[in-house]
Amino acid sequence: MADRSLEKEFDVLKNDLGTLKDDVSNIAKLLARKGSAQLNDAVDSGKARVQAGVNVLEDQVTARPLTSLLLAFGIGIMLGKITHR
């Protein structure tokens, strides 16, 4: 009689552990999806900021082409001197 009671308790414990395993698995999947969504949002935000910066730079180059050319030339000279030290 005690063996059957112990078997039943063991079966209940197995079922509870199976349910717990499923719950933990579902929580992990949910957290992974949430993290993935947050990462995608951050990447999209970063892309938008970079694109906005590129647009501003393009506008500046279009508005002042000679100044932009001289600035690029000056930066090139400075980088050349720095790398040849």
PDB file of N, CA and C in Angstrom:
ATOM      1  N   MET A   1       0.816  -1.191   0.000  1.00  0.00           N
ATOM      2  CA  MET A   1       0.000   0.000   0.000  1.00  0.00           C
ATOM      3  C   MET A   1       0.867   1.265   0.000  1.00  0.00           C
ATOM      4  N   ALA A   2       1.912   1.251   0.822  1.00  0.00           N
ATOM      5  CA  ALA A   2       2.804   2.403   0.896  1.00  0.00           C
ATOM      6  C   ALA A   2       3.538   2.592  -0.424  1.00  0.00           C
ATOM      7  N   ASP A   3       3.836   1.461  -1.106  1.00  0.00           N
ATOM      8  CA  ASP A   3       4.519   1.549  -2.390  1.00  0.00           C
ATOM      9  C   ASP A   3       3.668   2.283  -3.418  1.00  0.00           C
ATOM     10  N   ARG A   4       2.360   1.980  -3.444  1.00  0.00           N
ATOM     11  CA  ARG A   4       1.460   2.648  -4.394  1.00  0.00           C
ATOM     12  C   ARG A   4       1.358   4.143  -4.094  1.00  0.00           C
ATOM     13  N   SER A   5       1.284   4.475  -2.834  1.00  0.00           N
ATOM     14  CA  SER A   5       1.209   5.876  -2.434  1.00  0.00           C
ATOM     15  C   SER A   5       2.485   6.605  -2.850  1.00  0.00           C
ATOM     16  N   LEU A   6       3.613   5.955  -2.654  1.00  0.00           N
ATOM     17  CA  LEU A   6       4.892   6.527  -3.050  1.00  0.00           C
ATOM     18  C   LEU A   6       4.973   6.665  -4.565  1.00  0.00           C
ATOM     19  N   GLU A   7       4.470   5.661  -5.296  1.00  0.00           N
ATOM     20  CA  GLU A   7       4.447   5.732  -6.759  1.00  0.00           C
ATOM     21  C   GLU A   7       3.595   6.896  -7.236  1.00  0.00           C
ATOM     22  N   LYS A   8       2.429   7.069  -6.612  1.00  0.00           N
ATOM     23  CA  LYS A   8       1.549   8.172  -6.998  1.00  0.00           C
ATOM     24  C   LYS A   8       2.224   9.514  -6.736  1.00  0.00           C
ATOM     25  N   GLU A   9       2.859   9.637  -5.587  1.00  0.00           N
ATOM     26  CA  GLU A   9       3.557  10.880  -5.271  1.00  0.00           C
ATOM     27  C   GLU A   9       4.698  11.124  -6.256  1.00  0.00           C
ATOM     28  N   PHE A  10       5.391  10.050  -6.624  1.00  0.00           N
ATOM     29  CA  PHE A  10       6.476  10.170  -7.593  1.00  0.00           C
ATOM     30  C   PHE A  10       5.933  10.614  -8.950  1.00  0.00           C
ATOM     31  N   ASP A  11       4.789  10.048  -9.362  1.00  0.00           N
ATOM     32  CA  ASP A  11       4.169  10.447 -10.629  1.00  0.00           C
ATOM     33  C   ASP A  11       3.742  11.916 -10.596  1.00  0.00           C
ATOM     34  N   VAL A  12       3.172  12.333  -9.478  1.00  0.00           N
ATOM     35  CA  VAL A  12       2.771  13.739  -9.330  1.00  0.00           C
ATOM     36  C   VAL A  12       4.001  14.637  -9.411  1.00  0.00           C
ATOM     37  N   LEU A  13       5.069  14.230  -8.758  1.00  0.00           N
ATOM     38  CA  LEU A  13       6.307  15.001  -8.782  1.00  0.00           C
ATOM     39  C   LEU A  13       6.867  15.088 -10.197  1.00  0.00           C
ATOM     40  N   LYS A  14       6.833  13.956 -10.929  1.00  0.00           N
ATOM     41  CA  LYS A  14       7.301  13.962 -12.319  1.00  0.00           C
ATOM     42  C   LYS A  14       6.476  14.927 -13.161  1.00  0.00           C
ATOM     43  N   ASN A  15       5.164  14.883 -12.986  1.00  0.00           N
ATOM     44  CA  ASN A  15       4.295  15.789 -13.741  1.00  0.00           C
ATOM     45  C   ASN A  15       4.570  17.250 -13.388  1.00  0.00           C
ATOM     46  N   ASP A  16       4.740  17.511 -12.097  1.00  0.00           N
ATOM     47  CA  ASP A  16       5.030  18.880 -11.667  1.00  0.00           C
ATOM     48  C   ASP A  16       6.357  19.370 -12.246  1.00  0.00           C
ATOM     49  N   LEU A  17       7.357  18.507 -12.246  1.00  0.00           N
ATOM     50  CA  LEU A  17       8.659  18.883 -12.810  1.00  0.00           C
ATOM     51  C   LEU A  17       8.559  19.111 -14.314  1.00  0.00           C
ATOM     52  N   GLY A  18       7.753  18.291 -14.989  1.00  0.00           N
ATOM     53  CA  GLY A  18       7.541  18.490 -16.424  1.00  0.00           C
ATOM     54  C   GLY A  18       6.869  19.823 -16.703  1.00  0.00           C
ATOM     55  N   THR A  19       5.873  20.150 -15.897  1.00  0.00           N
ATOM     56  CA  THR A  19       5.186  21.436 -16.043  1.00  0.00           C
ATOM     57  C   THR A  19       6.139  22.590 -15.757  1.00  0.00           C
ATOM     58  N   LEU A  20       6.943  22.445 -14.717  1.00  0.00           N
ATOM     59  CA  LEU A  20       7.917  23.474 -14.371  1.00  0.00           C
ATOM     60  C   LEU A  20       8.921  23.670 -15.506  1.00  0.00           C
ATOM     61  N   LYS A  21       9.372  22.565 -16.085  1.00  0.00           N
ATOM     62  CA  LYS A  21      10.317  22.641 -17.205  1.00  0.00           C
ATOM     63  C   LYS A  21       9.691  23.385 -18.378  1.00  0.00           C
ATOM     64  N   ASP A  22       8.442  23.075 -18.682  1.00  0.00           N
ATOM     65  CA  ASP A  22       7.748  23.759 -19.777  1.00  0.00           C
ATOM     66  C   ASP A  22       7.583  25.249 -19.483  1.00  0.00           C
ATOM     67  N   ASP A  23       7.237  25.570 -18.243  1.00  0.00           N
ATOM     68  CA  ASP A  23       7.066  26.974 -17.864  1.00  0.00           C
ATOM     69  C   ASP A  23       8.373  27.748 -17.999  1.00  0.00           C
ATOM     70  N   VAL A  24       9.459  27.160 -17.516  1.00  0.00           N
ATOM     71  CA  VAL A  24      10.766  27.813 -17.612  1.00  0.00           C
ATOM     72  C   VAL A  24      11.162  27.975 -19.076  1.00  0.00           C
ATOM     73  N   SER A  25      10.903  26.971 -19.881  1.00  0.00           N
ATOM     74  CA  SER A  25      11.208  27.045 -21.304  1.00  0.00           C
ATOM     75  C   SER A  25      10.410  28.161 -21.973  1.00  0.00           C
ATOM     76  N   ASN A  26       9.131  28.262 -21.644  1.00  0.00           N
ATOM     77  CA  ASN A  26       8.293  29.315 -22.221  1.00  0.00           C
ATOM     78  C   ASN A  26       8.759  30.705 -21.794  1.00  0.00           C
ATOM     79  N   ILE A  27       9.146  30.831 -20.531  1.00  0.00           N
ATOM     80  CA  ILE A  27       9.648  32.119 -20.047  1.00  0.00           C
ATOM     81  C   ILE A  27      10.942  32.489 -20.771  1.00  0.00           C
ATOM     82  N   ALA A  28      11.829  31.522 -20.957  1.00  0.00           N
ATOM     83  CA  ALA A  28      13.091  31.781 -21.656  1.00  0.00           C
ATOM     84  C   ALA A  28      12.827  32.212 -23.095  1.00  0.00           C
ATOM     85  N   LYS A  29      11.891  31.549 -23.760  1.00  0.00           N
ATOM     86  CA  LYS A  29      11.557  31.925 -25.135  1.00  0.00           C
ATOM     87  C   LYS A  29      10.977  33.329 -25.188  1.00  0.00           C
ATOM     88  N   LEU A  30      10.115  33.648 -24.235  1.00  0.00           N
ATOM     89  CA  LEU A  30       9.502  34.974 -24.186  1.00  0.00           C
ATOM     90  C   LEU A  30      10.559  36.054 -23.966  1.00  0.00           C
ATOM     91  N   LEU A  31      11.485  35.797 -23.049  1.00  0.00           N
ATOM     92  CA  LEU A  31      12.560  36.757 -22.793  1.00  0.00           C
ATOM     93  C   LEU A  31      13.463  36.916 -24.008  1.00  0.00           C
ATOM     94  N   ALA A  32      13.724  35.820 -24.707  1.00  0.00           N
ATOM     95  CA  ALA A  32      14.554  35.889 -25.910  1.00  0.00           C
ATOM     96  C   ALA A  32      13.864  36.726 -26.979  1.00  0.00           C
ATOM     97  N   ARG A  33      12.556  36.524 -27.150  1.00  0.00           N
ATOM     98  CA  ARG A  33      11.814  37.319 -28.137  1.00  0.00           C
ATOM     99  C   ARG A  33      11.810  38.796 -27.755  1.00  0.00           C
ATOM    100  N   LYS A  34      11.614  39.066 -26.466  1.00  0.00           N
ATOM    101  CA  LYS A  34      11.597  40.450 -26.003  1.00  0.00           C
ATOM    102  C   LYS A  34      12.963  41.097 -26.213  1.00  0.00           C
ATOM    103  N   GLY A  35      14.021  40.369 -25.876  1.00  0.00           N
ATOM    104  CA  GLY A  35      15.370  40.884 -26.080  1.00  0.00           C
ATOM    105  C   GLY A  35      15.666  41.108 -27.545  1.00  0.00           C
ATOM    106  N   SER A  36      15.217  40.195 -28.377  1.00  0.00           N
ATOM    107  CA  SER A  36      15.419  40.325 -29.820  1.00  0.00           C
ATOM    108  C   SER A  36      14.675  41.545 -30.352  1.00  0.00           C
ATOM    109  N   ALA A  37      13.466  41.753 -29.871  1.00  0.00           N
ATOM    110  CA  ALA A  37      12.681  42.912 -30.308  1.00  0.00           C
ATOM    111  C   ALA A  37      13.358  44.210 -29.874  1.00  0.00           C
ATOM    112  N   GLN A  38      13.884  44.234 -28.646  1.00  0.00           N
ATOM    113  CA  GLN A  38      14.575  45.430 -28.165  1.00  0.00           C
ATOM    114  C   GLN A  38      15.845  45.681 -28.968  1.00  0.00           C
ATOM    115  N   LEU A  39      16.559  44.614 -29.299  1.00  0.00           N
ATOM    116  CA  LEU A  39      17.762  44.757 -30.107  1.00  0.00           C
ATOM    117  C   LEU A  39      17.416  45.286 -31.488  1.00  0.00           C
ATOM    118  N   ASN A  40      16.361  44.748 -32.090  1.00  0.00           N
ATOM    119  CA  ASN A  40      15.934  45.235 -33.403  1.00  0.00           C
ATOM    120  C   ASN A  40      15.535  46.703 -33.347  1.00  0.00           C
ATOM    121  N   ASP A  41      14.847  47.102 -32.278  1.00  0.00           N
ATOM    122  CA  ASP A  41      14.468  48.509 -32.123  1.00  0.00           C
ATOM    123  C   ASP A  41      15.704  49.396 -32.012  1.00  0.00           C
ATOM    124  N   ALA A  42      16.697  48.942 -31.251  1.00  0.00           N
ATOM    125  CA  ALA A  42      17.925  49.717 -31.092  1.00  0.00           C
ATOM    126  C   ALA A  42      18.676  49.830 -32.414  1.00  0.00           C
ATOM    127  N   VAL A  43      18.724  48.741 -33.168  1.00  0.00           N
ATOM    128  CA  VAL A  43      19.394  48.764 -34.472  1.00  0.00           C
ATOM    129  C   VAL A  43      18.669  49.714 -35.417  1.00  0.00           C
ATOM    130  N   ASP A  44      17.341  49.640 -35.436  1.00  0.00           N
ATOM    131  CA  ASP A  44      16.564  50.535 -36.295  1.00  0.00           C
ATOM    132  C   ASP A  44      16.781  51.996 -35.909  1.00  0.00           C
ATOM    133  N   SER A  45      16.816  52.262 -34.613  1.00  0.00           N
ATOM    134  CA  SER A  45      17.056  53.622 -34.137  1.00  0.00           C
ATOM    135  C   SER A  45      18.450  54.095 -34.549  1.00  0.00           C
ATOM    136  N   GLY A  46      19.431  53.215 -34.413  1.00  0.00           N
ATOM    137  CA  GLY A  46      20.794  53.556 -34.822  1.00  0.00           C
ATOM    138  C   GLY A  46      20.887  53.834 -36.309  1.00  0.00           C
ATOM    139  N   LYS A  47      20.222  53.010 -37.107  1.00  0.00           N
ATOM    140  CA  LYS A  47      20.218  53.230 -38.555  1.00  0.00           C
ATOM    141  C   LYS A  47      19.589  54.572 -38.900  1.00  0.00           C
ATOM    142  N   ALA A  48      18.492  54.902 -38.225  1.00  0.00           N
ATOM    143  CA  ALA A  48      17.812  56.174 -38.488  1.00  0.00           C
ATOM    144  C   ALA A  48      18.719  57.351 -38.135  1.00  0.00           C
ATOM    145  N   ARG A  49      19.441  57.240 -37.015  1.00  0.00           N
ATOM    146  CA  ARG A  49      20.349  58.323 -36.622  1.00  0.00           C
ATOM    147  C   ARG A  49      21.500  58.474 -37.614  1.00  0.00           C
ATOM    148  N   VAL A  50      22.055  57.351 -38.042  1.00  0.00           N
ATOM    149  CA  VAL A  50      23.147  57.405 -39.020  1.00  0.00           C
ATOM    150  C   VAL A  50      22.647  58.022 -40.319  1.00  0.00           C
ATOM    151  N   GLN A  51      21.467  57.607 -40.767  1.00  0.00           N
ATOM    152  CA  GLN A  51      20.911  58.153 -42.007  1.00  0.00           C
ATOM    153  C   GLN A  51      20.659  59.653 -41.872  1.00  0.00           C
ATOM    154  N   ALA A  52      20.184  60.087 -40.706  1.00  0.00           N
ATOM    155  CA  ALA A  52      19.965  61.517 -40.483  1.00  0.00           C
ATOM    156  C   ALA A  52      21.293  62.273 -40.548  1.00  0.00           C
ATOM    157  N   GLY A  53      22.338  61.690 -39.965  1.00  0.00           N
ATOM    158  CA  GLY A  53      23.657  62.311 -40.026  1.00  0.00           C
ATOM    159  C   GLY A  53      24.185  62.396 -41.446  1.00  0.00           C
ATOM    160  N   VAL A  54      23.979  61.341 -42.211  1.00  0.00           N
ATOM    161  CA  VAL A  54      24.404  61.330 -43.617  1.00  0.00           C
ATOM    162  C   VAL A  54      23.645  62.403 -44.391  1.00  0.00           C
ATOM    163  N   ASN A  55      22.353  62.526 -44.133  1.00  0.00           N
ATOM    164  CA  ASN A  55      21.553  63.544 -44.825  1.00  0.00           C
ATOM    165  C   ASN A  55      22.045  64.953 -44.506  1.00  0.00           C
ATOM    166  N   VAL A  56      22.373  65.203 -43.236  1.00  0.00           N
ATOM    167  CA  VAL A  56      22.891  66.514 -42.846  1.00  0.00           C
ATOM    168  C   VAL A  56      24.223  66.768 -43.538  1.00  0.00           C
ATOM    169  N   LEU A  57      25.079  65.764 -43.563  1.00  0.00           N
ATOM    170  CA  LEU A  57      26.375  65.900 -44.221  1.00  0.00           C
ATOM    171  C   LEU A  57      26.212  66.170 -45.709  1.00  0.00           C
ATOM    172  N   GLU A  58      25.303  65.448 -46.356  1.00  0.00           N
ATOM    173  CA  GLU A  58      25.045  65.681 -47.781  1.00  0.00           C
ATOM    174  C   GLU A  58      24.550  67.107 -48.019  1.00  0.00           C
ATOM    175  N   ASP A  59      23.679  67.582 -47.143  1.00  0.00           N
ATOM    176  CA  ASP A  59      23.172  68.952 -47.275  1.00  0.00           C
ATOM    177  C   ASP A  59      24.298  69.967 -47.129  1.00  0.00           C
ATOM    178  N   GLN A  60      25.208  69.725 -46.179  1.00  0.00           N
ATOM    179  CA  GLN A  60      26.333  70.637 -45.975  1.00  0.00           C
ATOM    180  C   GLN A  60      27.266  70.645 -47.183  1.00  0.00           C
ATOM    181  N   VAL A  61      27.544  69.471 -47.728  1.00  0.00           N
ATOM    182  CA  VAL A  61      28.422  69.378 -48.898  1.00  0.00           C
ATOM    183  C   VAL A  61      27.770  70.062 -50.092  1.00  0.00           C
ATOM    184  N   THR A  62      26.468  69.873 -50.252  1.00  0.00           N
ATOM    185  CA  THR A  62      25.753  70.504 -51.364  1.00  0.00           C
ATOM    186  C   THR A  62      25.725  72.022 -51.193  1.00  0.00           C
ATOM    187  N   ALA A  63      25.543  72.490 -49.982  1.00  0.00           N
ATOM    188  CA  ALA A  63      25.467  73.929 -49.728  1.00  0.00           C
ATOM    189  C   ALA A  63      26.832  74.602 -49.843  1.00  0.00           C
ATOM    190  N   ARG A  64      27.898  73.903 -49.446  1.00  0.00           N
ATOM    191  CA  ARG A  64      29.248  74.496 -49.449  1.00  0.00           C
ATOM    192  C   ARG A  64      30.254  73.509 -50.039  1.00  0.00           C
ATOM    193  N   PRO A  65      30.217  73.302 -51.344  1.00  0.00           N
ATOM    194  CA  PRO A  65      31.094  72.284 -51.934  1.00  0.00           C
ATOM    195  C   PRO A  65      32.589  72.613 -51.811  1.00  0.00           C
ATOM    196  N   LEU A  66      32.970  73.870 -52.005  1.00  0.00           N
ATOM    197  CA  LEU A  66      34.387  74.227 -51.941  1.00  0.00           C
ATOM    198  C   LEU A  66      34.919  74.073 -50.513  1.00  0.00           C
ATOM    199  N   THR A  67      34.157  74.526 -49.549  1.00  0.00           N
ATOM    200  CA  THR A  67      34.557  74.380 -48.149  1.00  0.00           C
ATOM    201  C   THR A  67      34.699  72.904 -47.788  1.00  0.00           C
ATOM    202  N   SER A  68      33.766  72.089 -48.254  1.00  0.00           N
ATOM    203  CA  SER A  68      33.816  70.651 -47.977  1.00  0.00           C
ATOM    204  C   SER A  68      35.050  70.016 -48.599  1.00  0.00           C
ATOM    205  N   LEU A  69      35.372  70.428 -49.813  1.00  0.00           N
ATOM    206  CA  LEU A  69      36.546  69.891 -50.502  1.00  0.00           C
ATOM    207  C   LEU A  69      37.822  70.278 -49.758  1.00  0.00           C
ATOM    208  N   LEU A  70      37.926  71.542 -49.355  1.00  0.00           N
ATOM    209  CA  LEU A  70      39.111  71.993 -48.626  1.00  0.00           C
ATOM    210  C   LEU A  70      39.222  71.301 -47.263  1.00  0.00           C
ATOM    211  N   LEU A  71      38.102  71.115 -46.608  1.00  0.00           N
ATOM    212  CA  LEU A  71      38.103  70.419 -45.326  1.00  0.00           C
ATOM    213  C   LEU A  71      38.568  68.970 -45.491  1.00  0.00           C
ATOM    214  N   ALA A  72      38.059  68.290 -46.502  1.00  0.00           N
ATOM    215  CA  ALA A  72      38.464  66.904 -46.758  1.00  0.00           C
ATOM    216  C   ALA A  72      39.953  66.841 -47.089  1.00  0.00           C
ATOM    217  N   PHE A  73      40.441  67.800 -47.871  1.00  0.00           N
ATOM    218  CA  PHE A  73      41.855  67.851 -48.219  1.00  0.00           C
ATOM    219  C   PHE A  73      42.704  68.052 -46.964  1.00  0.00           C
ATOM    220  N   GLY A  74      42.290  68.981 -46.105  1.00  0.00           N
ATOM    221  CA  GLY A  74      43.025  69.248 -44.866  1.00  0.00           C
ATOM    222  C   GLY A  74      43.049  68.037 -43.945  1.00  0.00           C
ATOM    223  N   ILE A  75      41.934  67.367 -43.831  1.00  0.00           N
ATOM    224  CA  ILE A  75      41.879  66.160 -42.999  1.00  0.00           C
ATOM    225  C   ILE A  75      42.792  65.085 -43.575  1.00  0.00           C
ATOM    226  N   GLY A  76      42.817  64.970 -44.892  1.00  0.00           N
ATOM    227  CA  GLY A  76      43.699  64.000 -45.542  1.00  0.00           C
ATOM    228  C   GLY A  76      45.165  64.296 -45.269  1.00  0.00           C
ATOM    229  N   ILE A  77      45.540  65.563 -45.331  1.00  0.00           N
ATOM    230  CA  ILE A  77      46.923  65.962 -45.040  1.00  0.00           C
ATOM    231  C   ILE A  77      47.273  65.611 -43.590  1.00  0.00           C
ATOM    232  N   MET A  78      46.371  65.948 -42.667  1.00  0.00           N
ATOM    233  CA  MET A  78      46.631  65.659 -41.249  1.00  0.00           C
ATOM    234  C   MET A  78      46.764  64.159 -41.005  1.00  0.00           C
ATOM    235  N   LEU A  79      45.874  63.366 -41.575  1.00  0.00           N
ATOM    236  CA  LEU A  79      45.957  61.912 -41.394  1.00  0.00           C
ATOM    237  C   LEU A  79      47.239  61.359 -42.007  1.00  0.00           C
ATOM    238  N   GLY A  80      47.640  61.920 -43.145  1.00  0.00           N
ATOM    239  CA  GLY A  80      48.887  61.490 -43.771  1.00  0.00           C
ATOM    240  C   GLY A  80      50.087  61.759 -42.878  1.00  0.00           C
ATOM    241  N   LYS A  81      50.124  62.924 -42.256  1.00  0.00           N
ATOM    242  CA  LYS A  81      51.238  63.259 -41.363  1.00  0.00           C
ATOM    243  C   LYS A  81      51.232  62.382 -40.109  1.00  0.00           C
ATOM    244  N   ILE A  82      50.042  62.100 -39.596  1.00  0.00           N
ATOM    245  CA  ILE A  82      49.945  61.271 -38.390  1.00  0.00           C
ATOM    246  C   ILE A  82      50.423  59.848 -38.667  1.00  0.00           C
ATOM    247  N   THR A  83      50.057  59.296 -39.808  1.00  0.00           N
ATOM    248  CA  THR A  83      50.410  57.906 -40.107  1.00  0.00           C
ATOM    249  C   THR A  83      51.859  57.742 -40.541  1.00  0.00           C
ATOM    250  N   HIS A  84      52.540  58.817 -40.923  1.00  0.00           N
ATOM    251  CA  HIS A  84      53.933  58.703 -41.368  1.00  0.00           C
ATOM    252  C   HIS A  84      54.929  59.038 -40.274  1.00  0.00           C
ATOM    253  N   ARG A  85      54.482  59.117 -39.048  1.00  0.00           N
ATOM    254  CA  ARG A  85      55.395  59.410 -37.930  1.00  0.00           C
ATOM    255  C   ARG A  85      56.154  58.211 -37.512  1.00  0.00           C
TER     256      ARG A  85
END
